[in-house]
Amino acid sequence: MDLDGWDDELSFNTQMSSQWDSLCHVTHGTTPTSPGETYNGFRPTQAALQDVPFTALNPLPTIDHWHARGCIVGRGVLIDYKGYLDTTSPPDSAPYHPLDGHRITVAEIEAVAKHQRLEFRPGDILLVRTGYTEMLAAPTAEDFGKFAKETLSGVHGAEETVRWAWNRRFAAVAGDAHAFEALPPLKGDGETGTVADLCEFFWGLFYSVVIRLGLFSVVGEIERLKSNMRGDRSSSVFPQWTWDAYRRAVGSQGAERAVQEAGAV
């Protein structure tokens, strides 16, 4: 036939963009002879993530199960930590930077919520803006220098934070950087740890909130959400996250195409 046709072929890691992590993204207790354990005692393997032809036959808690139920819709509550500091910090206060490793405490989150006249409700999706995405869009020479330190501002990874999030009954949490918690993580004794300590903490404590209660996401669209906040500083929105369906997905893809602000609620 006298015609041409064109197709697209995409290959990328879903962790490199906005995504929702499934309940089997992080495992605990991995050994050379045994895969790590995840939500409800599942032990994902490469074979198990590849060999299931349909979501209905997939026992693992991958993200395609959420897609089959309509993806994620809920009341999102935006804690604009960066914006709060920009408007309330005294002129002589220490400068804040999203790459300086500042640990955002429960007290600070509650202070931002009060400033924004925001009331938490059971089932909320907690969205924390550190300013990372905004910085990443136009990094300066100083920013590149800070990247070398491998530190990241974020929510303080401590038992107090876990208990607070559990008692607030959040359905999920999300941030605007490549981790929700501040990096580097802390060990149980308060000493600086490594990624391995983050995983141990994640399983031992944050498991209760993020893994059992809901999901974790990194959402670059928080910058758009904060720009649409109303003049009265209300910062609750009604976002909808959808993504393309593919079976056995550890993380979603395409979420950035479907964040919709439907006004404050």
Protein backbone atom coordinates (compact mmCIF):
# COMPACT_ATOMS: atom_id res chain seq x y z
CA MET A 1 0.00 0.00 0.00
CA ASP A 2 1.11 3.53 -0.73
CA LEU A 3 1.05 4.94 2.81
CA ASP A 4 3.22 5.67 5.84
CA GLY A 5 2.48 5.18 9.53
CA TRP A 6 4.18 6.52 12.63
CA ASP A 7 4.16 5.22 16.22
CA ASP A 8 5.69 6.17 19.55
CA GLU A 9 7.77 3.84 21.72
CA LEU A 10 8.41 5.00 25.28
CA SER A 11 10.97 3.67 27.72
CA PHE A 12 11.53 5.39 31.07
CA ASN A 13 11.71 4.77 34.80
CA THR A 14 8.52 5.90 36.53
CA GLN A 15 10.58 7.08 39.52
CA MET A 16 12.05 9.86 37.38
CA SER A 17 8.83 11.87 37.19
CA SER A 18 5.60 12.46 39.08
CA GLN A 19 4.30 9.12 40.25
CA TRP A 20 2.38 7.22 42.89
CA ASP A 21 4.39 4.41 44.42
CA SER A 22 2.55 1.15 44.87
CA LEU A 23 2.48 -0.78 48.12
CA CYS A 24 5.35 -3.00 46.98
CA HIS A 25 7.82 -0.27 46.01
CA VAL A 26 9.92 -0.71 49.16
CA THR A 27 10.61 -4.03 50.86
CA HIS A 28 12.28 -4.96 54.12
CA GLY A 29 14.45 -7.85 55.21
CA THR A 30 16.01 -8.70 51.86
CA THR A 31 18.77 -11.34 52.02
CA PRO A 32 20.91 -12.98 49.32
CA THR A 33 18.54 -15.96 49.34
CA SER A 34 15.18 -14.34 50.12
CA PRO A 35 13.31 -11.34 48.67
CA GLY A 36 12.23 -8.59 51.01
CA GLU A 37 8.79 -8.43 52.55
CA THR A 38 6.20 -5.78 51.77
CA TYR A 39 2.57 -4.99 52.55
CA ASN A 40 0.58 -7.93 53.97
CA GLY A 41 3.61 -10.19 53.87
CA PHE A 42 4.08 -10.24 50.09
CA ARG A 43 7.58 -10.86 48.77
CA PRO A 44 7.85 -9.43 45.23
CA THR A 45 10.35 -10.97 42.83
CA GLN A 46 11.29 -10.02 39.30
CA ALA A 47 9.56 -13.13 38.00
CA ALA A 48 6.38 -12.39 39.93
CA LEU A 49 6.30 -8.86 38.56
CA GLN A 50 6.74 -10.08 34.97
CA ASP A 51 4.76 -13.28 34.58
CA VAL A 52 1.17 -12.28 35.43
CA PRO A 53 -0.86 -11.63 32.25
CA PHE A 54 -3.82 -9.83 33.87
CA THR A 55 -4.32 -7.59 36.89
CA ALA A 56 -7.09 -9.86 38.16
CA LEU A 57 -4.54 -12.69 38.43
CA ASN A 58 -1.91 -10.51 40.10
CA PRO A 59 -1.73 -11.05 43.90
CA LEU A 60 0.94 -8.39 44.47
CA PRO A 61 -0.13 -4.91 45.68
CA THR A 62 0.98 -3.15 42.49
CA ILE A 63 -0.46 0.12 41.23
CA ASP A 64 -2.58 -1.47 38.49
CA HIS A 65 -5.07 -2.58 41.17
CA TRP A 66 -5.63 1.08 42.00
CA HIS A 67 -6.12 1.88 38.32
CA ALA A 68 -8.75 -0.84 38.08
CA ARG A 69 -10.68 0.86 40.90
CA GLY A 70 -10.62 4.31 39.29
CA CYS A 71 -7.19 5.61 40.34
CA ILE A 72 -7.01 8.24 43.12
CA VAL A 73 -9.47 11.01 43.92
CA GLY A 74 -9.66 12.77 47.26
CA ARG A 75 -9.43 15.95 49.27
CA GLY A 76 -5.88 17.19 49.02
CA VAL A 77 -4.52 19.51 51.71
CA LEU A 78 -1.52 21.57 50.66
CA ILE A 79 1.04 22.51 53.29
CA ASP A 80 2.98 25.26 51.50
CA TYR A 81 5.99 25.22 53.79
CA LYS A 82 8.18 27.22 51.40
CA GLY A 83 5.49 29.87 50.92
CA TYR A 84 4.96 30.06 54.67
CA LEU A 85 8.61 30.79 55.29
CA ASP A 86 8.71 33.33 52.48
CA THR A 87 5.92 35.37 54.08
CA THR A 88 6.51 34.92 57.81
CA SER A 89 10.27 34.58 58.40
CA PRO A 90 11.98 37.59 60.03
CA PRO A 91 14.55 39.38 57.83
CA ASP A 92 17.43 38.23 60.03
CA SER A 93 16.40 34.56 60.14
CA ALA A 94 18.58 31.82 58.67
CA PRO A 95 17.87 31.33 54.95
CA TYR A 96 15.92 28.23 53.93
CA HIS A 97 16.81 26.08 50.93
CA PRO A 98 15.12 22.84 49.76
CA LEU A 99 18.54 21.18 49.48
CA ASP A 100 19.80 22.06 52.96
CA GLY A 101 18.23 19.04 54.67
CA HIS A 102 15.81 20.94 56.90
CA ARG A 103 13.55 18.56 58.82
CA ILE A 104 9.96 19.82 58.81
CA THR A 105 8.47 18.93 62.18
CA VAL A 106 4.89 18.22 63.16
CA ALA A 107 4.80 21.54 65.00
CA GLU A 108 5.84 23.37 61.84
CA ILE A 109 3.23 21.57 59.73
CA GLU A 110 0.53 22.47 62.25
CA ALA A 111 1.74 26.09 62.26
CA VAL A 112 1.51 26.27 58.46
CA ALA A 113 -1.98 24.74 58.55
CA LYS A 114 -3.09 27.35 61.09
CA HIS A 115 -1.59 30.14 58.99
CA GLN A 116 -3.44 28.84 55.93
CA ARG A 117 -6.69 28.43 57.90
CA LEU A 118 -6.63 24.79 57.00
CA GLU A 119 -8.50 22.13 58.95
CA PHE A 120 -7.39 18.52 58.52
CA ARG A 121 -10.06 15.88 58.00
CA PRO A 122 -9.93 12.07 58.03
CA GLY A 123 -9.06 10.73 54.59
CA ASP A 124 -7.11 13.82 53.49
CA ILE A 125 -4.18 13.49 51.09
CA LEU A 126 -1.33 15.47 52.65
CA LEU A 127 0.70 17.48 50.10
CA VAL A 128 3.87 19.18 51.33
CA ARG A 129 5.62 21.83 49.23
CA THR A 130 9.30 22.36 50.04
CA GLY A 131 10.11 24.45 46.97
CA TYR A 132 12.25 21.73 45.40
CA THR A 133 10.42 21.58 42.06
CA GLU A 134 10.53 25.34 41.67
CA MET A 135 14.28 25.33 42.33
CA LEU A 136 14.84 22.43 39.95
CA ALA A 137 13.17 24.30 37.10
CA ALA A 138 15.90 26.96 37.13
CA PRO A 139 18.87 25.85 39.26
CA THR A 140 21.65 28.30 40.02
CA ALA A 141 25.34 27.62 40.49
CA GLU A 142 24.71 27.66 44.26
CA ASP A 143 21.97 25.05 43.82
CA PHE A 144 24.30 22.74 41.89
CA GLY A 145 26.82 23.08 44.68
CA LYS A 146 24.22 22.04 47.24
CA PHE A 147 23.31 18.94 45.21
CA ALA A 148 26.78 17.60 46.00
CA LYS A 149 25.92 17.51 49.72
CA GLU A 150 23.16 14.92 49.05
CA THR A 151 20.83 16.54 51.56
CA LEU A 152 17.14 17.27 51.05
CA SER A 153 14.60 19.24 53.03
CA GLY A 154 11.45 17.30 53.84
CA VAL A 155 9.19 15.99 56.55
CA HIS A 156 11.08 14.89 59.66
CA GLY A 157 11.36 11.09 59.68
CA ALA A 158 10.61 10.49 63.34
CA GLU A 159 8.19 8.45 65.42
CA GLU A 160 6.38 11.64 66.41
CA THR A 161 5.63 12.31 62.73
CA VAL A 162 4.32 8.80 62.19
CA ARG A 163 2.03 8.90 65.20
CA TRP A 164 0.73 12.33 64.20
CA ALA A 165 0.01 11.24 60.61
CA TRP A 166 -1.72 8.09 61.85
CA ASN A 167 -3.87 10.02 64.31
CA ARG A 168 -4.76 12.54 61.60
CA ARG A 169 -5.93 9.56 59.49
CA PHE A 170 -4.38 10.72 56.23
CA ALA A 171 -5.18 8.52 53.24
CA ALA A 172 -1.86 9.26 51.53
CA VAL A 173 1.07 11.66 51.61
CA ALA A 174 2.95 13.37 48.79
CA GLY A 175 5.79 15.82 48.31
CA ASP A 176 7.39 17.89 45.59
CA ALA A 177 10.87 16.34 45.79
CA HIS A 178 12.42 12.92 45.21
CA ALA A 179 11.71 11.91 48.80
CA PHE A 180 8.94 12.82 51.23
CA GLU A 181 11.23 12.67 54.25
CA ALA A 182 14.27 14.84 54.82
CA LEU A 183 17.59 13.36 53.73
CA PRO A 184 19.84 12.01 55.02
CA PRO A 185 17.62 9.94 57.32
CA LEU A 186 18.25 9.61 61.01
CA LYS A 187 18.88 6.41 62.95
CA GLY A 188 16.83 5.55 65.99
CA ASP A 189 19.47 7.13 68.23
CA GLY A 190 19.33 10.40 66.30
CA GLU A 191 22.62 9.91 64.48
CA THR A 192 22.79 10.54 60.73
CA GLY A 193 22.08 7.39 58.75
CA THR A 194 22.03 6.10 55.18
CA VAL A 195 19.37 5.03 52.70
CA ALA A 196 19.37 1.64 54.40
CA ASP A 197 18.33 3.35 57.64
CA LEU A 198 15.59 5.17 55.75
CA CYS A 199 14.23 1.84 54.51
CA GLU A 200 14.43 0.36 58.01
CA PHE A 201 12.62 3.36 59.46
CA PHE A 202 10.14 3.32 56.61
CA TRP A 203 9.21 -0.27 57.37
CA GLY A 204 9.33 -0.12 61.13
CA LEU A 205 7.45 3.13 61.63
CA PHE A 206 6.13 4.77 58.46
CA TYR A 207 4.73 1.39 57.39
CA SER A 208 1.78 2.14 59.65
CA VAL A 209 0.93 5.36 57.83
CA VAL A 210 2.06 5.17 54.23
CA ILE A 211 1.98 1.46 53.47
CA ARG A 212 -1.04 0.36 55.45
CA LEU A 213 -2.98 3.60 55.30
CA GLY A 214 -2.33 4.70 51.78
CA LEU A 215 0.28 5.56 49.20
CA PHE A 216 3.29 7.75 48.71
CA SER A 217 3.88 10.04 45.79
CA VAL A 218 6.24 12.65 44.44
CA VAL A 219 4.14 15.20 42.62
CA GLY A 220 5.72 18.06 40.70
CA GLU A 221 2.28 19.59 40.18
CA ILE A 222 2.27 20.93 43.74
CA GLU A 223 3.67 24.15 42.23
CA ARG A 224 0.48 24.47 40.20
CA LEU A 225 -1.69 23.71 43.20
CA LYS A 226 -0.11 26.40 45.35
CA SER A 227 -0.50 28.99 42.58
CA ASN A 228 -4.26 28.37 42.52
CA MET A 229 -4.82 28.89 46.23
CA ARG A 230 -7.59 31.36 46.93
CA GLY A 231 -7.02 34.79 48.33
CA ASP A 232 -8.28 33.78 51.79
CA ARG A 233 -5.35 31.35 51.99
CA SER A 234 -7.57 28.27 51.94
CA SER A 235 -5.41 25.42 50.68
CA SER A 236 -7.65 22.42 50.26
CA VAL A 237 -8.18 21.19 46.72
CA PHE A 238 -9.85 18.25 45.03
CA PRO A 239 -7.16 16.64 42.89
CA GLN A 240 -7.66 13.65 40.63
CA TRP A 241 -4.72 11.43 39.73
CA THR A 242 -5.00 9.05 36.79
CA TRP A 243 -2.38 7.15 34.84
CA ASP A 244 -2.07 4.74 31.96
CA ALA A 245 -2.92 1.16 32.80
CA TYR A 246 -0.29 -1.53 32.61
CA ARG A 247 -0.14 -4.66 34.69
CA ARG A 248 2.31 -5.34 37.52
CA ALA A 249 3.29 -1.66 37.76
CA VAL A 250 5.38 -0.80 40.82
CA GLY A 251 4.83 2.94 40.23
CA SER A 252 2.36 4.92 38.17
CA GLN A 253 3.27 6.92 35.11
CA GLY A 254 1.51 9.81 33.43
CA ALA A 255 0.12 11.15 36.71
CA GLU A 256 1.26 14.63 35.82
CA ARG A 257 -1.28 14.79 33.02
CA ALA A 258 -4.32 14.55 35.24
CA VAL A 259 -3.94 16.64 38.34
CA GLN A 260 -7.04 18.80 38.25
CA GLU A 261 -7.76 21.66 40.62
CA ALA A 262 -11.49 21.84 41.20
CA GLY A 263 -11.39 24.74 43.65
CA ALA A 264 -11.06 24.83 47.42
CA VAL A 265 -13.24 22.41 49.37
